[in-house]
Amino acid sequence: MKYTYDDENFRLSVDLDEELDVSSCKSLRSIIDGYIMRYEPKEFILNLTHVKFMDSSGIGLLIGRYNLIKLLDSKMTIINATQSIKRVLELSNITKNINLRSE
């Protein structure tokens, strides 16, 4: 995982490079929350280009980060999800609140 912060546009981007499952989500949750609380971005972008698998723990991770971002009156965007992950996100109604796009 790597992150970048654009202090001109107040945009935090996190690139994930592992599966979003029960074993990875616990540590990812605390690391990502630390970045969000440190920078308090106006937009949080989660890049899923290298994520090939996501289970219900991954959905929980995304919803939790969305709730934190919402408390900051910010927005969240997920970019470059695979077709199978997009399908999971759509079925779970996450796309109702979180912008989903490809770059």
PDB file of N, CA and C in Angstrom:
ATOM      1  N   MET A   1       0.847  -1.168   0.000  1.00  0.00           N
ATOM      2  CA  MET A   1       0.000   0.000   0.000  1.00  0.00           C
ATOM      3  C   MET A   1       0.897   1.236   0.000  1.00  0.00           C
ATOM      4  N   LYS A   2       0.455   2.213  -0.787  1.00  0.00           N
ATOM      5  CA  LYS A   2       1.138   3.504  -0.746  1.00  0.00           C
ATOM      6  C   LYS A   2       0.077   4.598  -0.749  1.00  0.00           C
ATOM      7  N   TYR A   3       0.487   5.778  -0.319  1.00  0.00           N
ATOM      8  CA  TYR A   3      -0.455   6.883  -0.310  1.00  0.00           C
ATOM      9  C   TYR A   3       0.219   8.158  -0.777  1.00  0.00           C
ATOM     10  N   THR A   4      -0.590   9.083  -1.253  1.00  0.00           N
ATOM     11  CA  THR A   4      -0.122  10.423  -1.605  1.00  0.00           C
ATOM     12  C   THR A   4      -1.156  11.422  -1.102  1.00  0.00           C
ATOM     13  N   TYR A   5      -0.681  12.607  -0.766  1.00  0.00           N
ATOM     14  CA  TYR A   5      -1.582  13.669  -0.346  1.00  0.00           C
ATOM     15  C   TYR A   5      -1.278  14.906  -1.164  1.00  0.00           C
ATOM     16  N   ASP A   6      -2.308  15.439  -1.804  1.00  0.00           N
ATOM     17  CA  ASP A   6      -2.199  16.659  -2.599  1.00  0.00           C
ATOM     18  C   ASP A   6      -2.699  17.800  -1.722  1.00  0.00           C
ATOM     19  N   ASP A   7      -1.754  18.559  -1.142  1.00  0.00           N
ATOM     20  CA  ASP A   7      -2.164  19.610  -0.205  1.00  0.00           C
ATOM     21  C   ASP A   7      -2.746  20.837  -0.897  1.00  0.00           C
ATOM     22  N   GLU A   8      -2.611  20.922  -2.205  1.00  0.00           N
ATOM     23  CA  GLU A   8      -3.242  22.020  -2.944  1.00  0.00           C
ATOM     24  C   GLU A   8      -4.745  21.778  -3.100  1.00  0.00           C
ATOM     25  N   ASN A   9      -5.121  20.522  -3.360  1.00  0.00           N
ATOM     26  CA  ASN A   9      -6.535  20.166  -3.550  1.00  0.00           C
ATOM     27  C   ASN A   9      -7.118  19.398  -2.366  1.00  0.00           C
ATOM     28  N   PHE A  10      -6.321  19.214  -1.308  1.00  0.00           N
ATOM     29  CA  PHE A  10      -6.771  18.507  -0.099  1.00  0.00           C
ATOM     30  C   PHE A  10      -7.311  17.110  -0.448  1.00  0.00           C
ATOM     31  N   ARG A  11      -6.544  16.385  -1.251  1.00  0.00           N
ATOM     32  CA  ARG A  11      -6.962  15.077  -1.756  1.00  0.00           C
ATOM     33  C   ARG A  11      -5.976  14.008  -1.277  1.00  0.00           C
ATOM     34  N   LEU A  12      -6.500  13.011  -0.571  1.00  0.00           N
ATOM     35  CA  LEU A  12      -5.715  11.882  -0.107  1.00  0.00           C
ATOM     36  C   LEU A  12      -6.016  10.686  -0.998  1.00  0.00           C
ATOM     37  N   SER A  13      -4.965  10.081  -1.549  1.00  0.00           N
ATOM     38  CA  SER A  13      -5.113   8.893  -2.395  1.00  0.00           C
ATOM     39  C   SER A  13      -4.369   7.736  -1.755  1.00  0.00           C
ATOM     40  N   VAL A  14      -5.049   6.601  -1.666  1.00  0.00           N
ATOM     41  CA  VAL A  14      -4.433   5.385  -1.139  1.00  0.00           C
ATOM     42  C   VAL A  14      -4.549   4.306  -2.212  1.00  0.00           C
ATOM     43  N   ASP A  15      -3.407   3.723  -2.580  1.00  0.00           N
ATOM     44  CA  ASP A  15      -3.354   2.640  -3.554  1.00  0.00           C
ATOM     45  C   ASP A  15      -3.184   1.333  -2.794  1.00  0.00           C
ATOM     46  N   LEU A  16      -4.176   0.463  -2.919  1.00  0.00           N
ATOM     47  CA  LEU A  16      -4.107  -0.833  -2.263  1.00  0.00           C
ATOM     48  C   LEU A  16      -3.537  -1.862  -3.227  1.00  0.00           C
ATOM     49  N   ASP A  17      -2.764  -2.800  -2.698  1.00  0.00           N
ATOM     50  CA  ASP A  17      -2.117  -3.789  -3.562  1.00  0.00           C
ATOM     51  C   ASP A  17      -2.235  -5.203  -3.005  1.00  0.00           C
ATOM     52  N   GLU A  18      -3.308  -5.442  -2.255  1.00  0.00           N
ATOM     53  CA  GLU A  18      -3.506  -6.775  -1.694  1.00  0.00           C
ATOM     54  C   GLU A  18      -4.989  -7.111  -1.686  1.00  0.00           C
ATOM     55  N   GLU A  19      -5.296  -8.356  -1.372  1.00  0.00           N
ATOM     56  CA  GLU A  19      -6.688  -8.768  -1.283  1.00  0.00           C
ATOM     57  C   GLU A  19      -7.341  -8.103  -0.078  1.00  0.00           C
ATOM     58  N   LEU A  20      -8.614  -7.757  -0.220  1.00  0.00           N
ATOM     59  CA  LEU A  20      -9.356  -7.166   0.888  1.00  0.00           C
ATOM     60  C   LEU A  20     -10.176  -8.271   1.538  1.00  0.00           C
ATOM     61  N   ASP A  21      -9.538  -8.958   2.486  1.00  0.00           N
ATOM     62  CA  ASP A  21     -10.195 -10.050   3.190  1.00  0.00           C
ATOM     63  C   ASP A  21      -9.985  -9.876   4.686  1.00  0.00           C
ATOM     64  N   VAL A  22     -10.491 -10.815   5.446  1.00  0.00           N
ATOM     65  CA  VAL A  22     -10.462 -10.685   6.907  1.00  0.00           C
ATOM     66  C   VAL A  22      -9.040 -10.535   7.445  1.00  0.00           C
ATOM     67  N   SER A  23      -8.071 -11.163   6.824  1.00  0.00           N
ATOM     68  CA  SER A  23      -6.699 -11.097   7.332  1.00  0.00           C
ATOM     69  C   SER A  23      -6.020  -9.759   7.048  1.00  0.00           C
ATOM     70  N   SER A  24      -6.391  -9.075   5.985  1.00  0.00           N
ATOM     71  CA  SER A  24      -5.736  -7.810   5.648  1.00  0.00           C
ATOM     72  C   SER A  24      -6.493  -6.575   6.153  1.00  0.00           C
ATOM     73  N   CYS A  25      -7.793  -6.678   6.301  1.00  0.00           N
ATOM     74  CA  CYS A  25      -8.600  -5.484   6.581  1.00  0.00           C
ATOM     75  C   CYS A  25      -8.359  -4.877   7.952  1.00  0.00           C
ATOM     76  N   LYS A  26      -8.041  -5.691   8.931  1.00  0.00           N
ATOM     77  CA  LYS A  26      -7.832  -5.158  10.278  1.00  0.00           C
ATOM     78  C   LYS A  26      -6.669  -4.164  10.305  1.00  0.00           C
ATOM     79  N   SER A  27      -5.547  -4.551   9.734  1.00  0.00           N
ATOM     80  CA  SER A  27      -4.396  -3.640   9.730  1.00  0.00           C
ATOM     81  C   SER A  27      -4.612  -2.474   8.772  1.00  0.00           C
ATOM     82  N   LEU A  28      -5.236  -2.737   7.625  1.00  0.00           N
ATOM     83  CA  LEU A  28      -5.507  -1.652   6.675  1.00  0.00           C
ATOM     84  C   LEU A  28      -6.406  -0.582   7.292  1.00  0.00           C
ATOM     85  N   ARG A  29      -7.392  -1.021   8.051  1.00  0.00           N
ATOM     86  CA  ARG A  29      -8.339  -0.101   8.680  1.00  0.00           C
ATOM     87  C   ARG A  29      -7.603   0.928   9.537  1.00  0.00           C
ATOM     88  N   SER A  30      -6.716   0.477  10.400  1.00  0.00           N
ATOM     89  CA  SER A  30      -6.034   1.418  11.294  1.00  0.00           C
ATOM     90  C   SER A  30      -5.042   2.306  10.540  1.00  0.00           C
ATOM     91  N   ILE A  31      -4.376   1.763   9.550  1.00  0.00           N
ATOM     92  CA  ILE A  31      -3.423   2.565   8.768  1.00  0.00           C
ATOM     93  C   ILE A  31      -4.157   3.648   7.981  1.00  0.00           C
ATOM     94  N   ILE A  32      -5.214   3.266   7.275  1.00  0.00           N
ATOM     95  CA  ILE A  32      -5.961   4.231   6.462  1.00  0.00           C
ATOM     96  C   ILE A  32      -6.621   5.286   7.347  1.00  0.00           C
ATOM     97  N   ASP A  33      -7.199   4.864   8.471  1.00  0.00           N
ATOM     98  CA  ASP A  33      -7.803   5.829   9.397  1.00  0.00           C
ATOM     99  C   ASP A  33      -6.767   6.830   9.888  1.00  0.00           C
ATOM    100  N   GLY A  34      -5.555   6.367  10.130  1.00  0.00           N
ATOM    101  CA  GLY A  34      -4.479   7.268  10.550  1.00  0.00           C
ATOM    102  C   GLY A  34      -4.207   8.335   9.497  1.00  0.00           C
ATOM    103  N   TYR A  35      -4.150   7.932   8.232  1.00  0.00           N
ATOM    104  CA  TYR A  35      -3.945   8.910   7.154  1.00  0.00           C
ATOM    105  C   TYR A  35      -5.109   9.896   7.083  1.00  0.00           C
ATOM    106  N   ILE A  36      -6.329   9.381   7.181  1.00  0.00           N
ATOM    107  CA  ILE A  36      -7.506  10.251   7.093  1.00  0.00           C
ATOM    108  C   ILE A  36      -7.512  11.260   8.236  1.00  0.00           C
ATOM    109  N   MET A  37      -7.230  10.812   9.449  1.00  0.00           N
ATOM    110  CA  MET A  37      -7.247  11.726  10.590  1.00  0.00           C
ATOM    111  C   MET A  37      -6.074  12.717  10.534  1.00  0.00           C
ATOM    112  N   ARG A  38      -4.968  12.292   9.984  1.00  0.00           N
ATOM    113  CA  ARG A  38      -3.804  13.187   9.871  1.00  0.00           C
ATOM    114  C   ARG A  38      -4.058  14.316   8.879  1.00  0.00           C
ATOM    115  N   TYR A  39      -4.619  13.977   7.718  1.00  0.00           N
ATOM    116  CA  TYR A  39      -4.764  14.955   6.646  1.00  0.00           C
ATOM    117  C   TYR A  39      -6.151  15.594   6.562  1.00  0.00           C
ATOM    118  N   GLU A  40      -7.173  14.956   7.094  1.00  0.00           N
ATOM    119  CA  GLU A  40      -8.549  15.443   7.004  1.00  0.00           C
ATOM    120  C   GLU A  40      -8.859  15.951   5.586  1.00  0.00           C
ATOM    121  N   PRO A  41      -8.773  15.056   4.595  1.00  0.00           N
ATOM    122  CA  PRO A  41      -8.919  15.466   3.188  1.00  0.00           C
ATOM    123  C   PRO A  41     -10.347  15.868   2.839  1.00  0.00           C
ATOM    124  N   LYS A  42     -10.456  16.670   1.799  1.00  0.00           N
ATOM    125  CA  LYS A  42     -11.777  17.008   1.244  1.00  0.00           C
ATOM    126  C   LYS A  42     -12.250  15.892   0.313  1.00  0.00           C
ATOM    127  N   GLU A  43     -11.284  15.143  -0.245  1.00  0.00           N
ATOM    128  CA  GLU A  43     -11.621  13.979  -1.051  1.00  0.00           C
ATOM    129  C   GLU A  43     -10.662  12.850  -0.703  1.00  0.00           C
ATOM    130  N   PHE A  44     -11.221  11.671  -0.522  1.00  0.00           N
ATOM    131  CA  PHE A  44     -10.442  10.473  -0.251  1.00  0.00           C
ATOM    132  C   PHE A  44     -10.624   9.530  -1.434  1.00  0.00           C
ATOM    133  N   ILE A  45      -9.521   9.181  -2.092  1.00  0.00           N
ATOM    134  CA  ILE A  45      -9.559   8.314  -3.261  1.00  0.00           C
ATOM    135  C   ILE A  45      -8.890   6.991  -2.908  1.00  0.00           C
ATOM    136  N   LEU A  46      -9.612   5.918  -3.135  1.00  0.00           N
ATOM    137  CA  LEU A  46      -9.092   4.586  -2.886  1.00  0.00           C
ATOM    138  C   LEU A  46      -8.906   3.892  -4.233  1.00  0.00           C
ATOM    139  N   ASN A  47      -7.655   3.617  -4.585  1.00  0.00           N
ATOM    140  CA  ASN A  47      -7.316   2.996  -5.863  1.00  0.00           C
ATOM    141  C   ASN A  47      -7.249   1.485  -5.686  1.00  0.00           C
ATOM    142  N   LEU A  48      -8.130   0.768  -6.389  1.00  0.00           N
ATOM    143  CA  LEU A  48      -8.197  -0.690  -6.284  1.00  0.00           C
ATOM    144  C   LEU A  48      -7.604  -1.400  -7.505  1.00  0.00           C
ATOM    145  N   THR A  49      -6.762  -0.731  -8.262  1.00  0.00           N
ATOM    146  CA  THR A  49      -6.171  -1.303  -9.468  1.00  0.00           C
ATOM    147  C   THR A  49      -5.588  -2.692  -9.229  1.00  0.00           C
ATOM    148  N   HIS A  50      -4.872  -2.881  -8.137  1.00  0.00           N
ATOM    149  CA  HIS A  50      -4.158  -4.133  -7.888  1.00  0.00           C
ATOM    150  C   HIS A  50      -4.899  -5.077  -6.938  1.00  0.00           C
ATOM    151  N   VAL A  51      -6.144  -4.756  -6.620  1.00  0.00           N
ATOM    152  CA  VAL A  51      -6.939  -5.623  -5.745  1.00  0.00           C
ATOM    153  C   VAL A  51      -7.721  -6.599  -6.625  1.00  0.00           C
ATOM    154  N   LYS A  52      -7.464  -7.868  -6.457  1.00  0.00           N
ATOM    155  CA  LYS A  52      -8.105  -8.899  -7.285  1.00  0.00           C
ATOM    156  C   LYS A  52      -9.233  -9.629  -6.566  1.00  0.00           C
ATOM    157  N   PHE A  53      -9.297  -9.493  -5.235  1.00  0.00           N
ATOM    158  CA  PHE A  53     -10.310 -10.204  -4.468  1.00  0.00           C
ATOM    159  C   PHE A  53     -10.790  -9.330  -3.312  1.00  0.00           C
ATOM    160  N   MET A  54     -12.098  -9.368  -3.036  1.00  0.00           N
ATOM    161  CA  MET A  54     -12.656  -8.657  -1.901  1.00  0.00           C
ATOM    162  C   MET A  54     -13.823  -9.464  -1.347  1.00  0.00           C
ATOM    163  N   ASP A  55     -13.834  -9.699  -0.040  1.00  0.00           N
ATOM    164  CA  ASP A  55     -14.961 -10.376   0.585  1.00  0.00           C
ATOM    165  C   ASP A  55     -15.732  -9.377   1.444  1.00  0.00           C
ATOM    166  N   SER A  56     -16.593  -9.871   2.312  1.00  0.00           N
ATOM    167  CA  SER A  56     -17.430  -8.978   3.122  1.00  0.00           C
ATOM    168  C   SER A  56     -16.599  -8.104   4.059  1.00  0.00           C
ATOM    169  N   SER A  57     -15.429  -8.551   4.450  1.00  0.00           N
ATOM    170  CA  SER A  57     -14.541  -7.718   5.275  1.00  0.00           C
ATOM    171  C   SER A  57     -14.091  -6.485   4.494  1.00  0.00           C
ATOM    172  N   GLY A  58     -13.854  -6.660   3.202  1.00  0.00           N
ATOM    173  CA  GLY A  58     -13.482  -5.541   2.345  1.00  0.00           C
ATOM    174  C   GLY A  58     -14.616  -4.540   2.220  1.00  0.00           C
ATOM    175  N   ILE A  59     -15.832  -5.039   2.090  1.00  0.00           N
ATOM    176  CA  ILE A  59     -16.992  -4.151   2.035  1.00  0.00           C
ATOM    177  C   ILE A  59     -17.095  -3.367   3.341  1.00  0.00           C
ATOM    178  N   GLY A  60     -16.893  -4.055   4.466  1.00  0.00           N
ATOM    179  CA  GLY A  60     -16.906  -3.385   5.764  1.00  0.00           C
ATOM    180  C   GLY A  60     -15.828  -2.324   5.868  1.00  0.00           C
ATOM    181  N   LEU A  61     -14.639  -2.624   5.325  1.00  0.00           N
ATOM    182  CA  LEU A  61     -13.549  -1.646   5.315  1.00  0.00           C
ATOM    183  C   LEU A  61     -13.966  -0.386   4.558  1.00  0.00           C
ATOM    184  N   LEU A  62     -14.545  -0.572   3.380  1.00  0.00           N
ATOM    185  CA  LEU A  62     -14.951   0.569   2.566  1.00  0.00           C
ATOM    186  C   LEU A  62     -16.058   1.376   3.242  1.00  0.00           C
ATOM    187  N   ILE A  63     -17.044   0.708   3.793  1.00  0.00           N
ATOM    188  CA  ILE A  63     -18.153   1.411   4.454  1.00  0.00           C
ATOM    189  C   ILE A  63     -17.645   2.178   5.682  1.00  0.00           C
ATOM    190  N   GLY A  64     -16.760   1.579   6.434  1.00  0.00           N
ATOM    191  CA  GLY A  64     -16.191   2.264   7.594  1.00  0.00           C
ATOM    192  C   GLY A  64     -15.417   3.507   7.225  1.00  0.00           C
ATOM    193  N   ARG A  65     -14.621   3.416   6.145  1.00  0.00           N
ATOM    194  CA  ARG A  65     -13.863   4.605   5.714  1.00  0.00           C
ATOM    195  C   ARG A  65     -14.825   5.662   5.196  1.00  0.00           C
ATOM    196  N   TYR A  66     -15.881   5.241   4.495  1.00  0.00           N
ATOM    197  CA  TYR A  66     -16.884   6.194   4.023  1.00  0.00           C
ATOM    198  C   TYR A  66     -17.519   6.925   5.206  1.00  0.00           C
ATOM    199  N   ASN A  67     -17.863   6.199   6.248  1.00  0.00           N
ATOM    200  CA  ASN A  67     -18.487   6.837   7.418  1.00  0.00           C
ATOM    201  C   ASN A  67     -17.550   7.840   8.075  1.00  0.00           C
ATOM    202  N   LEU A  68     -16.265   7.527   8.131  1.00  0.00           N
ATOM    203  CA  LEU A  68     -15.287   8.455   8.685  1.00  0.00           C
ATOM    204  C   LEU A  68     -15.157   9.694   7.804  1.00  0.00           C
ATOM    205  N   ILE A  69     -15.071   9.496   6.495  1.00  0.00           N
ATOM    206  CA  ILE A  69     -14.973  10.611   5.552  1.00  0.00           C
ATOM    207  C   ILE A  69     -16.214  11.495   5.634  1.00  0.00           C
ATOM    208  N   LYS A  70     -17.357  10.870   5.775  1.00  0.00           N
ATOM    209  CA  LYS A  70     -18.619  11.610   5.882  1.00  0.00           C
ATOM    210  C   LYS A  70     -18.624  12.505   7.120  1.00  0.00           C
ATOM    211  N   LEU A  71     -18.058  12.032   8.228  1.00  0.00           N
ATOM    212  CA  LEU A  71     -17.951  12.845   9.442  1.00  0.00           C
ATOM    213  C   LEU A  71     -17.117  14.104   9.204  1.00  0.00           C
ATOM    214  N   LEU A  72     -16.175  14.014   8.278  1.00  0.00           N
ATOM    215  CA  LEU A  72     -15.322  15.157   7.947  1.00  0.00           C
ATOM    216  C   LEU A  72     -15.951  16.051   6.875  1.00  0.00           C
ATOM    217  N   ASP A  73     -17.180  15.717   6.479  1.00  0.00           N
ATOM    218  CA  ASP A  73     -17.894  16.431   5.424  1.00  0.00           C
ATOM    219  C   ASP A  73     -17.097  16.409   4.118  1.00  0.00           C
ATOM    220  N   SER A  74     -16.522  15.254   3.836  1.00  0.00           N
ATOM    221  CA  SER A  74     -15.714  15.052   2.641  1.00  0.00           C
ATOM    222  C   SER A  74     -16.386  14.021   1.745  1.00  0.00           C
ATOM    223  N   LYS A  75     -15.753  13.747   0.606  1.00  0.00           N
ATOM    224  CA  LYS A  75     -16.304  12.735  -0.296  1.00  0.00           C
ATOM    225  C   LYS A  75     -15.275  11.636  -0.521  1.00  0.00           C
ATOM    226  N   MET A  76     -15.789  10.472  -0.912  1.00  0.00           N
ATOM    227  CA  MET A  76     -14.942   9.311  -1.158  1.00  0.00           C
ATOM    228  C   MET A  76     -15.174   8.793  -2.565  1.00  0.00           C
ATOM    229  N   THR A  77     -14.079   8.433  -3.215  1.00  0.00           N
ATOM    230  CA  THR A  77     -14.125   7.893  -4.565  1.00  0.00           C
ATOM    231  C   THR A  77     -13.300   6.614  -4.609  1.00  0.00           C
ATOM    232  N   ILE A  78     -13.842   5.599  -5.264  1.00  0.00           N
ATOM    233  CA  ILE A  78     -13.111   4.362  -5.517  1.00  0.00           C
ATOM    234  C   ILE A  78     -12.781   4.340  -6.996  1.00  0.00           C
ATOM    235  N   ILE A  79     -11.513   4.102  -7.323  1.00  0.00           N
ATOM    236  CA  ILE A  79     -11.117   4.080  -8.731  1.00  0.00           C
ATOM    237  C   ILE A  79     -10.529   2.719  -9.097  1.00  0.00           C
ATOM    238  N   ASN A  80     -10.698   2.392 -10.363  1.00  0.00           N
ATOM    239  CA  ASN A  80     -10.061   1.242 -11.012  1.00  0.00           C
ATOM    240  C   ASN A  80     -10.366  -0.114 -10.380  1.00  0.00           C
ATOM    241  N   ALA A  81     -11.591  -0.316  -9.958  1.00  0.00           N
ATOM    242  CA  ALA A  81     -11.990  -1.625  -9.447  1.00  0.00           C
ATOM    243  C   ALA A  81     -12.167  -2.585 -10.616  1.00  0.00           C
ATOM    244  N   THR A  82     -11.822  -3.843 -10.412  1.00  0.00           N
ATOM    245  CA  THR A  82     -12.046  -4.848 -11.449  1.00  0.00           C
ATOM    246  C   THR A  82     -13.555  -5.029 -11.647  1.00  0.00           C
ATOM    247  N   GLN A  83     -13.922  -5.681 -12.731  1.00  0.00           N
ATOM    248  CA  GLN A  83     -15.346  -5.908 -13.009  1.00  0.00           C
ATOM    249  C   GLN A  83     -16.014  -6.701 -11.892  1.00  0.00           C
ATOM    250  N   SER A  84     -15.340  -7.728 -11.385  1.00  0.00           N
ATOM    251  CA  SER A  84     -15.947  -8.539 -10.320  1.00  0.00           C
ATOM    252  C   SER A  84     -16.108  -7.739  -9.030  1.00  0.00           C
ATOM    253  N   ILE A  85     -15.151  -6.890  -8.713  1.00  0.00           N
ATOM    254  CA  ILE A  85     -15.274  -6.060  -7.513  1.00  0.00           C
ATOM    255  C   ILE A  85     -16.333  -4.981  -7.717  1.00  0.00           C
ATOM    256  N   LYS A  86     -16.412  -4.413  -8.917  1.00  0.00           N
ATOM    257  CA  LYS A  86     -17.485  -3.452  -9.208  1.00  0.00           C
ATOM    258  C   LYS A  86     -18.855  -4.084  -8.972  1.00  0.00           C
ATOM    259  N   ARG A  87     -18.995  -5.316  -9.397  1.00  0.00           N
ATOM    260  CA  ARG A  87     -20.264  -6.031  -9.233  1.00  0.00           C
ATOM    261  C   ARG A  87     -20.604  -6.198  -7.748  1.00  0.00           C
ATOM    262  N   VAL A  88     -19.624  -6.577  -6.948  1.00  0.00           N
ATOM    263  CA  VAL A  88     -19.829  -6.703  -5.504  1.00  0.00           C
ATOM    264  C   VAL A  88     -20.233  -5.355  -4.901  1.00  0.00           C
ATOM    265  N   LEU A  89     -19.565  -4.293  -5.319  1.00  0.00           N
ATOM    266  CA  LEU A  89     -19.872  -2.956  -4.802  1.00  0.00           C
ATOM    267  C   LEU A  89     -21.289  -2.526  -5.189  1.00  0.00           C
ATOM    268  N   GLU A  90     -21.668  -2.806  -6.408  1.00  0.00           N
ATOM    269  CA  GLU A  90     -23.015  -2.450  -6.854  1.00  0.00           C
ATOM    270  C   GLU A  90     -24.072  -3.257  -6.106  1.00  0.00           C
ATOM    271  N   LEU A  91     -23.840  -4.543  -5.902  1.00  0.00           N
ATOM    272  CA  LEU A  91     -24.798  -5.388  -5.184  1.00  0.00           C
ATOM    273  C   LEU A  91     -24.942  -4.982  -3.718  1.00  0.00           C
ATOM    274  N   SER A  92     -23.888  -4.432  -3.157  1.00  0.00           N
ATOM    275  CA  SER A  92     -23.935  -4.024  -1.754  1.00  0.00           C
ATOM    276  C   SER A  92     -24.430  -2.585  -1.579  1.00  0.00           C
ATOM    277  N   ASN A  93     -24.794  -1.935  -2.670  1.00  0.00           N
ATOM    278  CA  ASN A  93     -25.311  -0.552  -2.660  1.00  0.00           C
ATOM    279  C   ASN A  93     -24.294   0.497  -2.224  1.00  0.00           C
ATOM    280  N   ILE A  94     -23.030   0.159  -2.185  1.00  0.00           N
ATOM    281  CA  ILE A  94     -22.000   1.128  -1.820  1.00  0.00           C
ATOM    282  C   ILE A  94     -21.959   2.277  -2.816  1.00  0.00           C
ATOM    283  N   THR A  95     -22.227   1.977  -4.073  1.00  0.00           N
ATOM    284  CA  THR A  95     -22.129   3.001  -5.119  1.00  0.00           C
ATOM    285  C   THR A  95     -23.209   4.071  -4.985  1.00  0.00           C
ATOM    286  N   LYS A  96     -24.157   3.862  -4.089  1.00  0.00           N
ATOM    287  CA  LYS A  96     -25.168   4.890  -3.822  1.00  0.00           C
ATOM    288  C   LYS A  96     -24.529   6.096  -3.135  1.00  0.00           C
ATOM    289  N   ASN A  97     -23.499   5.846  -2.326  1.00  0.00           N
ATOM    290  CA  ASN A  97     -22.867   6.909  -1.545  1.00  0.00           C
ATOM    291  C   ASN A  97     -21.427   7.194  -1.940  1.00  0.00           C
ATOM    292  N   ILE A  98     -20.777   6.231  -2.547  1.00  0.00           N
ATOM    293  CA  ILE A  98     -19.360   6.377  -2.902  1.00  0.00           C
ATOM    294  C   ILE A  98     -19.238   6.398  -4.410  1.00  0.00           C
ATOM    295  N   ASN A  99     -18.569   7.410  -4.919  1.00  0.00           N
ATOM    296  CA  ASN A  99     -18.349   7.538  -6.360  1.00  0.00           C
ATOM    297  C   ASN A  99     -17.413   6.421  -6.824  1.00  0.00           C
ATOM    298  N   LEU A 100     -17.758   5.811  -7.941  1.00  0.00           N
ATOM    299  CA  LEU A 100     -16.971   4.721  -8.513  1.00  0.00           C
ATOM    300  C   LEU A 100     -16.616   5.116  -9.943  1.00  0.00           C
ATOM    301  N   ARG A 101     -15.304   5.106 -10.246  1.00  0.00           N
ATOM    302  CA  ARG A 101     -14.877   5.471 -11.606  1.00  0.00           C
ATOM    303  C   ARG A 101     -13.604   4.745 -12.002  1.00  0.00           C
ATOM    304  N   SER A 102     -13.348   4.776 -13.294  1.00  0.00           N
ATOM    305  CA  SER A 102     -12.120   4.192 -13.838  1.00  0.00           C
ATOM    306  C   SER A 102     -11.229   5.303 -14.349  1.00  0.00           C
ATOM    307  N   GLU A 103      -9.936   5.112 -14.257  1.00  0.00           N
ATOM    308  CA  GLU A 103      -8.982   6.104 -14.780  1.00  0.00           C
ATOM    309  C   GLU A 103      -7.981   5.425 -15.676  1.00  0.00           C
TER     310      GLU A 103
END
